[in-house]
Amino acid sequence: MTQVLAGVLGLKDHVVLKVRNHADVNVFDVSKLEGHMPETVYDFIFGASRFIQRAVSYKNNICNRTLVLQDDELTGVCRGMILRSQG
């Protein structure tokens, strides 16, 4: 998301990396970047399905100062939130 779009959505403290801002940071190895075929997973309530497409090469995903993904594996920690329309 760009800073302009974040401003339109009312997310003034998102997108720009600076102290006290909310941020998701992805670190990946571009030389190892590859995608997998889309697959169907059944992990929603009552067995509902969804499509996912995994990627390889993610070293880290940091969400609000917490390591969420390391070496292509989820750490089990969830720090995100649902963003709802302000209008």
PDB file of N, CA and C in Angstrom:
ATOM      1  N   MET A   1       0.844  -1.160   0.000  1.00  0.00           N
ATOM      2  CA  MET A   1       0.000   0.000   0.000  1.00  0.00           C
ATOM      3  C   MET A   1       0.900   1.237   0.000  1.00  0.00           C
ATOM      4  N   THR A   2       0.535   2.214  -0.785  1.00  0.00           N
ATOM      5  CA  THR A   2       1.305   3.449  -0.836  1.00  0.00           C
ATOM      6  C   THR A   2       0.850   4.417   0.248  1.00  0.00           C
ATOM      7  N   GLN A   3       1.672   5.407   0.508  1.00  0.00           N
ATOM      8  CA  GLN A   3       1.332   6.421   1.502  1.00  0.00           C
ATOM      9  C   GLN A   3       0.084   7.190   1.078  1.00  0.00           C
ATOM     10  N   VAL A   4      -0.080   7.422  -0.220  1.00  0.00           N
ATOM     11  CA  VAL A   4      -1.253   8.148  -0.714  1.00  0.00           C
ATOM     12  C   VAL A   4      -2.523   7.351  -0.425  1.00  0.00           C
ATOM     13  N   LEU A   5      -2.534   6.066  -0.770  1.00  0.00           N
ATOM     14  CA  LEU A   5      -3.708   5.233  -0.518  1.00  0.00           C
ATOM     15  C   LEU A   5      -3.986   5.118   0.979  1.00  0.00           C
ATOM     16  N   ALA A   6      -2.951   4.973   1.783  1.00  0.00           N
ATOM     17  CA  ALA A   6      -3.141   4.899   3.234  1.00  0.00           C
ATOM     18  C   ALA A   6      -3.812   6.169   3.747  1.00  0.00           C
ATOM     19  N   GLY A   7      -3.417   7.329   3.217  1.00  0.00           N
ATOM     20  CA  GLY A   7      -4.038   8.589   3.618  1.00  0.00           C
ATOM     21  C   GLY A   7      -5.502   8.653   3.236  1.00  0.00           C
ATOM     22  N   VAL A   8      -5.833   8.165   2.039  1.00  0.00           N
ATOM     23  CA  VAL A   8      -7.227   8.135   1.584  1.00  0.00           C
ATOM     24  C   VAL A   8      -8.065   7.261   2.510  1.00  0.00           C
ATOM     25  N   LEU A   9      -7.486   6.155   2.983  1.00  0.00           N
ATOM     26  CA  LEU A   9      -8.192   5.231   3.869  1.00  0.00           C
ATOM     27  C   LEU A   9      -8.177   5.676   5.330  1.00  0.00           C
ATOM     28  N   GLY A  10      -7.534   6.805   5.610  1.00  0.00           N
ATOM     29  CA  GLY A  10      -7.499   7.316   6.977  1.00  0.00           C
ATOM     30  C   GLY A  10      -6.476   6.631   7.862  1.00  0.00           C
ATOM     31  N   LEU A  11      -5.487   5.986   7.261  1.00  0.00           N
ATOM     32  CA  LEU A  11      -4.450   5.282   8.020  1.00  0.00           C
ATOM     33  C   LEU A  11      -3.207   6.165   8.110  1.00  0.00           C
ATOM     34  N   LYS A  12      -3.304   7.199   8.886  1.00  0.00           N
ATOM     35  CA  LYS A  12      -2.239   8.205   8.940  1.00  0.00           C
ATOM     36  C   LYS A  12      -0.933   7.671   9.525  1.00  0.00           C
ATOM     37  N   ASP A  13      -1.014   6.667  10.410  1.00  0.00           N
ATOM     38  CA  ASP A  13       0.199   6.166  11.057  1.00  0.00           C
ATOM     39  C   ASP A  13       0.645   4.828  10.470  1.00  0.00           C
ATOM     40  N   HIS A  14       0.276   4.562   9.214  1.00  0.00           N
ATOM     41  CA  HIS A  14       0.682   3.334   8.539  1.00  0.00           C
ATOM     42  C   HIS A  14       1.586   3.667   7.353  1.00  0.00           C
ATOM     43  N   VAL A  15       2.220   2.689   6.808  1.00  0.00           N
ATOM     44  CA  VAL A  15       2.989   2.716   5.572  1.00  0.00           C
ATOM     45  C   VAL A  15       4.393   3.289   5.732  1.00  0.00           C
ATOM     46  N   VAL A  16       4.559   4.453   6.321  1.00  0.00           N
ATOM     47  CA  VAL A  16       5.877   5.062   6.461  1.00  0.00           C
ATOM     48  C   VAL A  16       6.597   4.437   7.653  1.00  0.00           C
ATOM     49  N   LEU A  17       7.833   3.969   7.433  1.00  0.00           N
ATOM     50  CA  LEU A  17       8.609   3.374   8.516  1.00  0.00           C
ATOM     51  C   LEU A  17       9.242   4.467   9.365  1.00  0.00           C
ATOM     52  N   LYS A  18       8.676   4.681  10.534  1.00  0.00           N
ATOM     53  CA  LYS A  18       9.277   5.587  11.499  1.00  0.00           C
ATOM     54  C   LYS A  18       8.782   5.221  12.896  1.00  0.00           C
ATOM     55  N   VAL A  19       9.458   5.722  13.896  1.00  0.00           N
ATOM     56  CA  VAL A  19       9.179   5.367  15.289  1.00  0.00           C
ATOM     57  C   VAL A  19       7.713   5.595  15.620  1.00  0.00           C
ATOM     58  N   ARG A  20       7.101   4.617  16.303  1.00  0.00           N
ATOM     59  CA  ARG A  20       5.724   4.616  16.788  1.00  0.00           C
ATOM     60  C   ARG A  20       4.662   4.389  15.707  1.00  0.00           C
ATOM     61  N   ASN A  21       5.046   4.212  14.454  1.00  0.00           N
ATOM     62  CA  ASN A  21       4.075   3.888  13.407  1.00  0.00           C
ATOM     63  C   ASN A  21       3.804   2.391  13.390  1.00  0.00           C
ATOM     64  N   HIS A  22       2.611   2.015  12.922  1.00  0.00           N
ATOM     65  CA  HIS A  22       2.302   0.611  12.666  1.00  0.00           C
ATOM     66  C   HIS A  22       3.006   0.224  11.368  1.00  0.00           C
ATOM     67  N   ALA A  23       3.545  -0.990  11.315  1.00  0.00           N
ATOM     68  CA  ALA A  23       4.234  -1.395  10.090  1.00  0.00           C
ATOM     69  C   ALA A  23       4.279  -2.905   9.953  1.00  0.00           C
ATOM     70  N   ASP A  24       4.174  -3.366   8.720  1.00  0.00           N
ATOM     71  CA  ASP A  24       4.483  -4.743   8.354  1.00  0.00           C
ATOM     72  C   ASP A  24       5.707  -4.662   7.457  1.00  0.00           C
ATOM     73  N   VAL A  25       6.738  -5.401   7.799  1.00  0.00           N
ATOM     74  CA  VAL A  25       7.968  -5.388   7.018  1.00  0.00           C
ATOM     75  C   VAL A  25       8.228  -6.801   6.516  1.00  0.00           C
ATOM     76  N   ASN A  26       8.395  -6.949   5.215  1.00  0.00           N
ATOM     77  CA  ASN A  26       8.738  -8.238   4.623  1.00  0.00           C
ATOM     78  C   ASN A  26      10.180  -8.203   4.150  1.00  0.00           C
ATOM     79  N   VAL A  27      10.946  -9.218   4.528  1.00  0.00           N
ATOM     80  CA  VAL A  27      12.328  -9.360   4.089  1.00  0.00           C
ATOM     81  C   VAL A  27      12.385 -10.650   3.277  1.00  0.00           C
ATOM     82  N   PHE A  28      12.815 -10.558   2.022  1.00  0.00           N
ATOM     83  CA  PHE A  28      12.865 -11.771   1.209  1.00  0.00           C
ATOM     84  C   PHE A  28      14.128 -11.811   0.373  1.00  0.00           C
ATOM     85  N   ASP A  29      14.466 -13.014  -0.065  1.00  0.00           N
ATOM     86  CA  ASP A  29      15.639 -13.265  -0.895  1.00  0.00           C
ATOM     87  C   ASP A  29      15.163 -13.369  -2.339  1.00  0.00           C
ATOM     88  N   VAL A  30      15.372 -12.329  -3.112  1.00  0.00           N
ATOM     89  CA  VAL A  30      14.856 -12.274  -4.481  1.00  0.00           C
ATOM     90  C   VAL A  30      15.448 -13.379  -5.351  1.00  0.00           C
ATOM     91  N   SER A  31      16.638 -13.868  -5.038  1.00  0.00           N
ATOM     92  CA  SER A  31      17.245 -14.932  -5.844  1.00  0.00           C
ATOM     93  C   SER A  31      16.534 -16.269  -5.657  1.00  0.00           C
ATOM     94  N   LYS A  32      15.760 -16.416  -4.592  1.00  0.00           N
ATOM     95  CA  LYS A  32      15.040 -17.665  -4.321  1.00  0.00           C
ATOM     96  C   LYS A  32      13.531 -17.534  -4.524  1.00  0.00           C
ATOM     97  N   LEU A  33      13.087 -16.396  -5.028  1.00  0.00           N
ATOM     98  CA  LEU A  33      11.658 -16.129  -5.157  1.00  0.00           C
ATOM     99  C   LEU A  33      11.006 -17.076  -6.157  1.00  0.00           C
ATOM    100  N   GLU A  34       9.997 -17.786  -5.705  1.00  0.00           N
ATOM    101  CA  GLU A  34       9.202 -18.641  -6.587  1.00  0.00           C
ATOM    102  C   GLU A  34       7.830 -18.828  -5.971  1.00  0.00           C
ATOM    103  N   GLY A  35       6.864 -19.008  -6.822  1.00  0.00           N
ATOM    104  CA  GLY A  35       5.501 -19.227  -6.351  1.00  0.00           C
ATOM    105  C   GLY A  35       5.100 -20.679  -6.541  1.00  0.00           C
ATOM    106  N   HIS A  36       4.173 -21.128  -5.757  1.00  0.00           N
ATOM    107  CA  HIS A  36       3.629 -22.474  -5.886  1.00  0.00           C
ATOM    108  C   HIS A  36       2.289 -22.391  -6.601  1.00  0.00           C
ATOM    109  N   MET A  37       1.805 -23.506  -7.053  1.00  0.00           N
ATOM    110  CA  MET A  37       0.486 -23.563  -7.675  1.00  0.00           C
ATOM    111  C   MET A  37      -0.569 -23.217  -6.627  1.00  0.00           C
ATOM    112  N   PRO A  38      -1.631 -22.520  -7.028  1.00  0.00           N
ATOM    113  CA  PRO A  38      -2.712 -22.241  -6.077  1.00  0.00           C
ATOM    114  C   PRO A  38      -3.297 -23.554  -5.554  1.00  0.00           C
ATOM    115  N   GLU A  39      -3.752 -23.527  -4.313  1.00  0.00           N
ATOM    116  CA  GLU A  39      -4.359 -24.713  -3.721  1.00  0.00           C
ATOM    117  C   GLU A  39      -5.572 -24.311  -2.895  1.00  0.00           C
ATOM    118  N   THR A  40      -6.443 -25.253  -2.679  1.00  0.00           N
ATOM    119  CA  THR A  40      -7.620 -25.040  -1.851  1.00  0.00           C
ATOM    120  C   THR A  40      -7.329 -25.571  -0.460  1.00  0.00           C
ATOM    121  N   VAL A  41      -7.600 -24.761   0.548  1.00  0.00           N
ATOM    122  CA  VAL A  41      -7.468 -25.210   1.936  1.00  0.00           C
ATOM    123  C   VAL A  41      -8.824 -25.063   2.612  1.00  0.00           C
ATOM    124  N   TYR A  42      -9.052 -25.905   3.594  1.00  0.00           N
ATOM    125  CA  TYR A  42     -10.340 -25.938   4.296  1.00  0.00           C
ATOM    126  C   TYR A  42     -10.106 -25.607   5.766  1.00  0.00           C
ATOM    127  N   ASP A  43      -9.734 -24.363   6.034  1.00  0.00           N
ATOM    128  CA  ASP A  43      -9.377 -23.999   7.404  1.00  0.00           C
ATOM    129  C   ASP A  43     -10.307 -22.957   8.024  1.00  0.00           C
ATOM    130  N   PHE A  44     -11.402 -22.661   7.351  1.00  0.00           N
ATOM    131  CA  PHE A  44     -12.391 -21.765   7.939  1.00  0.00           C
ATOM    132  C   PHE A  44     -13.388 -22.563   8.768  1.00  0.00           C
ATOM    133  N   ILE A  45     -14.167 -21.856   9.539  1.00  0.00           N
ATOM    134  CA  ILE A  45     -15.173 -22.495  10.381  1.00  0.00           C
ATOM    135  C   ILE A  45     -16.139 -23.316   9.515  1.00  0.00           C
ATOM    136  N   PHE A  46     -16.577 -24.428  10.032  1.00  0.00           N
ATOM    137  CA  PHE A  46     -17.486 -25.364   9.356  1.00  0.00           C
ATOM    138  C   PHE A  46     -16.904 -25.929   8.065  1.00  0.00           C
ATOM    139  N   GLY A  47     -15.578 -25.925   7.943  1.00  0.00           N
ATOM    140  CA  GLY A  47     -14.927 -26.534   6.787  1.00  0.00           C
ATOM    141  C   GLY A  47     -15.001 -25.732   5.509  1.00  0.00           C
ATOM    142  N   ALA A  48     -15.323 -24.453   5.605  1.00  0.00           N
ATOM    143  CA  ALA A  48     -15.383 -23.605   4.410  1.00  0.00           C
ATOM    144  C   ALA A  48     -13.996 -23.516   3.777  1.00  0.00           C
ATOM    145  N   SER A  49     -13.969 -23.357   2.466  1.00  0.00           N
ATOM    146  CA  SER A  49     -12.696 -23.372   1.747  1.00  0.00           C
ATOM    147  C   SER A  49     -12.273 -21.974   1.314  1.00  0.00           C
ATOM    148  N   ARG A  50     -11.006 -21.891   0.938  1.00  0.00           N
ATOM    149  CA  ARG A  50     -10.455 -20.682   0.336  1.00  0.00           C
ATOM    150  C   ARG A  50      -9.259 -21.089  -0.509  1.00  0.00           C
ATOM    151  N   PHE A  51      -8.903 -20.250  -1.479  1.00  0.00           N
ATOM    152  CA  PHE A  51      -7.719 -20.484  -2.295  1.00  0.00           C
ATOM    153  C   PHE A  51      -6.543 -19.750  -1.676  1.00  0.00           C
ATOM    154  N   ILE A  52      -5.378 -20.393  -1.687  1.00  0.00           N
ATOM    155  CA  ILE A  52      -4.148 -19.735  -1.260  1.00  0.00           C
ATOM    156  C   ILE A  52      -3.064 -20.037  -2.289  1.00  0.00           C
ATOM    157  N   GLN A  53      -2.055 -19.205  -2.324  1.00  0.00           N
ATOM    158  CA  GLN A  53      -0.893 -19.466  -3.165  1.00  0.00           C
ATOM    159  C   GLN A  53       0.339 -19.105  -2.355  1.00  0.00           C
ATOM    160  N   ARG A  54       1.075 -20.105  -1.977  1.00  0.00           N
ATOM    161  CA  ARG A  54       2.254 -19.906  -1.140  1.00  0.00           C
ATOM    162  C   ARG A  54       3.428 -19.441  -2.000  1.00  0.00           C
ATOM    163  N   ALA A  55       4.355 -18.769  -1.364  1.00  0.00           N
ATOM    164  CA  ALA A  55       5.571 -18.320  -2.036  1.00  0.00           C
ATOM    165  C   ALA A  55       6.770 -18.769  -1.212  1.00  0.00           C
ATOM    166  N   VAL A  56       7.896 -18.901  -1.876  1.00  0.00           N
ATOM    167  CA  VAL A  56       9.137 -19.274  -1.214  1.00  0.00           C
ATOM    168  C   VAL A  56      10.079 -18.089  -1.315  1.00  0.00           C
ATOM    169  N   SER A  57      10.858 -17.847  -0.322  1.00  0.00           N
ATOM    170  CA  SER A  57      11.941 -16.865  -0.260  1.00  0.00           C
ATOM    171  C   SER A  57      11.759 -15.853   0.858  1.00  0.00           C
ATOM    172  N   TYR A  58      10.649 -15.909   1.589  1.00  0.00           N
ATOM    173  CA  TYR A  58      10.456 -14.960   2.675  1.00  0.00           C
ATOM    174  C   TYR A  58      11.357 -15.323   3.847  1.00  0.00           C
ATOM    175  N   LYS A  59      12.236 -14.415   4.200  1.00  0.00           N
ATOM    176  CA  LYS A  59      13.122 -14.620   5.348  1.00  0.00           C
ATOM    177  C   LYS A  59      12.411 -14.235   6.631  1.00  0.00           C
ATOM    178  N   ASN A  60      11.775 -13.074   6.624  1.00  0.00           N
ATOM    179  CA  ASN A  60      11.090 -12.589   7.817  1.00  0.00           C
ATOM    180  C   ASN A  60       9.885 -11.745   7.438  1.00  0.00           C
ATOM    181  N   ASN A  61       8.875 -11.788   8.283  1.00  0.00           N
ATOM    182  CA  ASN A  61       7.774 -10.839   8.244  1.00  0.00           C
ATOM    183  C   ASN A  61       7.639 -10.320   9.661  1.00  0.00           C
ATOM    184  N   ILE A  62       7.745  -9.029   9.807  1.00  0.00           N
ATOM    185  CA  ILE A  62       7.656  -8.396  11.118  1.00  0.00           C
ATOM    186  C   ILE A  62       6.411  -7.526  11.112  1.00  0.00           C
ATOM    187  N   CYS A  63       5.520  -7.769  12.058  1.00  0.00           N
ATOM    188  CA  CYS A  63       4.267  -7.030  12.158  1.00  0.00           C
ATOM    189  C   CYS A  63       4.203  -6.364  13.526  1.00  0.00           C
ATOM    190  N   ASN A  64       4.225  -5.046  13.533  1.00  0.00           N
ATOM    191  CA  ASN A  64       4.179  -4.280  14.786  1.00  0.00           C
ATOM    192  C   ASN A  64       5.217  -4.772  15.797  1.00  0.00           C
ATOM    193  N   ARG A  65       6.451  -4.839  15.357  1.00  0.00           N
ATOM    194  CA  ARG A  65       7.615  -5.208  16.184  1.00  0.00           C
ATOM    195  C   ARG A  65       7.630  -6.677  16.606  1.00  0.00           C
ATOM    196  N   THR A  66       6.836  -7.526  15.975  1.00  0.00           N
ATOM    197  CA  THR A  66       6.777  -8.938  16.330  1.00  0.00           C
ATOM    198  C   THR A  66       7.086  -9.793  15.107  1.00  0.00           C
ATOM    199  N   LEU A  67       7.985 -10.760  15.258  1.00  0.00           N
ATOM    200  CA  LEU A  67       8.330 -11.672  14.178  1.00  0.00           C
ATOM    201  C   LEU A  67       7.184 -12.660  13.965  1.00  0.00           C
ATOM    202  N   VAL A  68       6.541 -12.585  12.807  1.00  0.00           N
ATOM    203  CA  VAL A  68       5.374 -13.413  12.501  1.00  0.00           C
ATOM    204  C   VAL A  68       5.751 -14.587  11.593  1.00  0.00           C
ATOM    205  N   LEU A  69       6.733 -14.387  10.724  1.00  0.00           N
ATOM    206  CA  LEU A  69       7.178 -15.424   9.806  1.00  0.00           C
ATOM    207  C   LEU A  69       8.696 -15.416   9.776  1.00  0.00           C
ATOM    208  N   GLN A  70       9.290 -16.604   9.840  1.00  0.00           N
ATOM    209  CA  GLN A  70      10.748 -16.707   9.781  1.00  0.00           C
ATOM    210  C   GLN A  70      11.120 -17.882   8.890  1.00  0.00           C
ATOM    211  N   ASP A  71      11.950 -17.626   7.878  1.00  0.00           N
ATOM    212  CA  ASP A  71      12.394 -18.658   6.935  1.00  0.00           C
ATOM    213  C   ASP A  71      11.223 -19.438   6.340  1.00  0.00           C
ATOM    214  N   ASP A  72      10.245 -18.709   5.816  1.00  0.00           N
ATOM    215  CA  ASP A  72       9.067 -19.274   5.144  1.00  0.00           C
ATOM    216  C   ASP A  72       8.127 -20.044   6.059  1.00  0.00           C
ATOM    217  N   GLU A  73       8.265 -19.942   7.355  1.00  0.00           N
ATOM    218  CA  GLU A  73       7.395 -20.650   8.299  1.00  0.00           C
ATOM    219  C   GLU A  73       6.755 -19.654   9.266  1.00  0.00           C
ATOM    220  N   LEU A  74       5.449 -19.809   9.513  1.00  0.00           N
ATOM    221  CA  LEU A  74       4.768 -18.962  10.492  1.00  0.00           C
ATOM    222  C   LEU A  74       5.269 -19.288  11.892  1.00  0.00           C
ATOM    223  N   THR A  75       5.426 -18.266  12.721  1.00  0.00           N
ATOM    224  CA  THR A  75       5.892 -18.474  14.096  1.00  0.00           C
ATOM    225  C   THR A  75       4.747 -18.797  15.046  1.00  0.00           C
ATOM    226  N   GLY A  76       3.504 -18.581  14.619  1.00  0.00           N
ATOM    227  CA  GLY A  76       2.349 -18.832  15.479  1.00  0.00           C
ATOM    228  C   GLY A  76       1.866 -17.592  16.206  1.00  0.00           C
ATOM    229  N   VAL A  77       2.581 -16.493  16.051  1.00  0.00           N
ATOM    230  CA  VAL A  77       2.204 -15.234  16.687  1.00  0.00           C
ATOM    231  C   VAL A  77       1.406 -14.402  15.690  1.00  0.00           C
ATOM    232  N   CYS A  78       0.277 -13.863  16.112  1.00  0.00           N
ATOM    233  CA  CYS A  78      -0.559 -13.011  15.256  1.00  0.00           C
ATOM    234  C   CYS A  78      -0.667 -11.633  15.895  1.00  0.00           C
ATOM    235  N   ARG A  79      -0.221 -10.598  15.183  1.00  0.00           N
ATOM    236  CA  ARG A  79      -0.250  -9.244  15.738  1.00  0.00           C
ATOM    237  C   ARG A  79      -1.056  -8.276  14.897  1.00  0.00           C
ATOM    238  N   GLY A  80      -1.683  -8.731  13.845  1.00  0.00           N
ATOM    239  CA  GLY A  80      -2.423  -7.830  12.968  1.00  0.00           C
ATOM    240  C   GLY A  80      -3.794  -7.500  13.515  1.00  0.00           C
ATOM    241  N   MET A  81      -4.521  -6.704  12.753  1.00  0.00           N
ATOM    242  CA  MET A  81      -5.883  -6.353  13.130  1.00  0.00           C
ATOM    243  C   MET A  81      -6.698  -6.171  11.859  1.00  0.00           C
ATOM    244  N   ILE A  82      -7.997  -6.253  11.995  1.00  0.00           N
ATOM    245  CA  ILE A  82      -8.890  -6.029  10.864  1.00  0.00           C
ATOM    246  C   ILE A  82      -9.078  -4.529  10.690  1.00  0.00           C
ATOM    247  N   LEU A  83      -8.872  -4.054   9.480  1.00  0.00           N
ATOM    248  CA  LEU A  83      -9.074  -2.638   9.177  1.00  0.00           C
ATOM    249  C   LEU A  83     -10.468  -2.469   8.602  1.00  0.00           C
ATOM    250  N   ARG A  84     -11.261  -1.634   9.220  1.00  0.00           N
ATOM    251  CA  ARG A  84     -12.634  -1.405   8.778  1.00  0.00           C
ATOM    252  C   ARG A  84     -12.774   0.005   8.215  1.00  0.00           C
ATOM    253  N   SER A  85     -13.722   0.172   7.326  1.00  0.00           N
ATOM    254  CA  SER A  85     -13.985   1.463   6.713  1.00  0.00           C
ATOM    255  C   SER A  85     -14.385   2.484   7.777  1.00  0.00           C
ATOM    256  N   GLN A  86     -13.901   3.701   7.620  1.00  0.00           N
ATOM    257  CA  GLN A  86     -14.244   4.783   8.538  1.00  0.00           C
ATOM    258  C   GLN A  86     -15.495   5.525   8.075  1.00  0.00           C
ATOM    259  N   GLY A  87     -15.977   5.210   6.884  1.00  0.00           N
ATOM    260  CA  GLY A  87     -17.074   5.976   6.301  1.00  0.00           C
ATOM    261  C   GLY A  87     -18.353   5.309   6.275  1.00  0.00           C
TER     262      GLY A  87
END
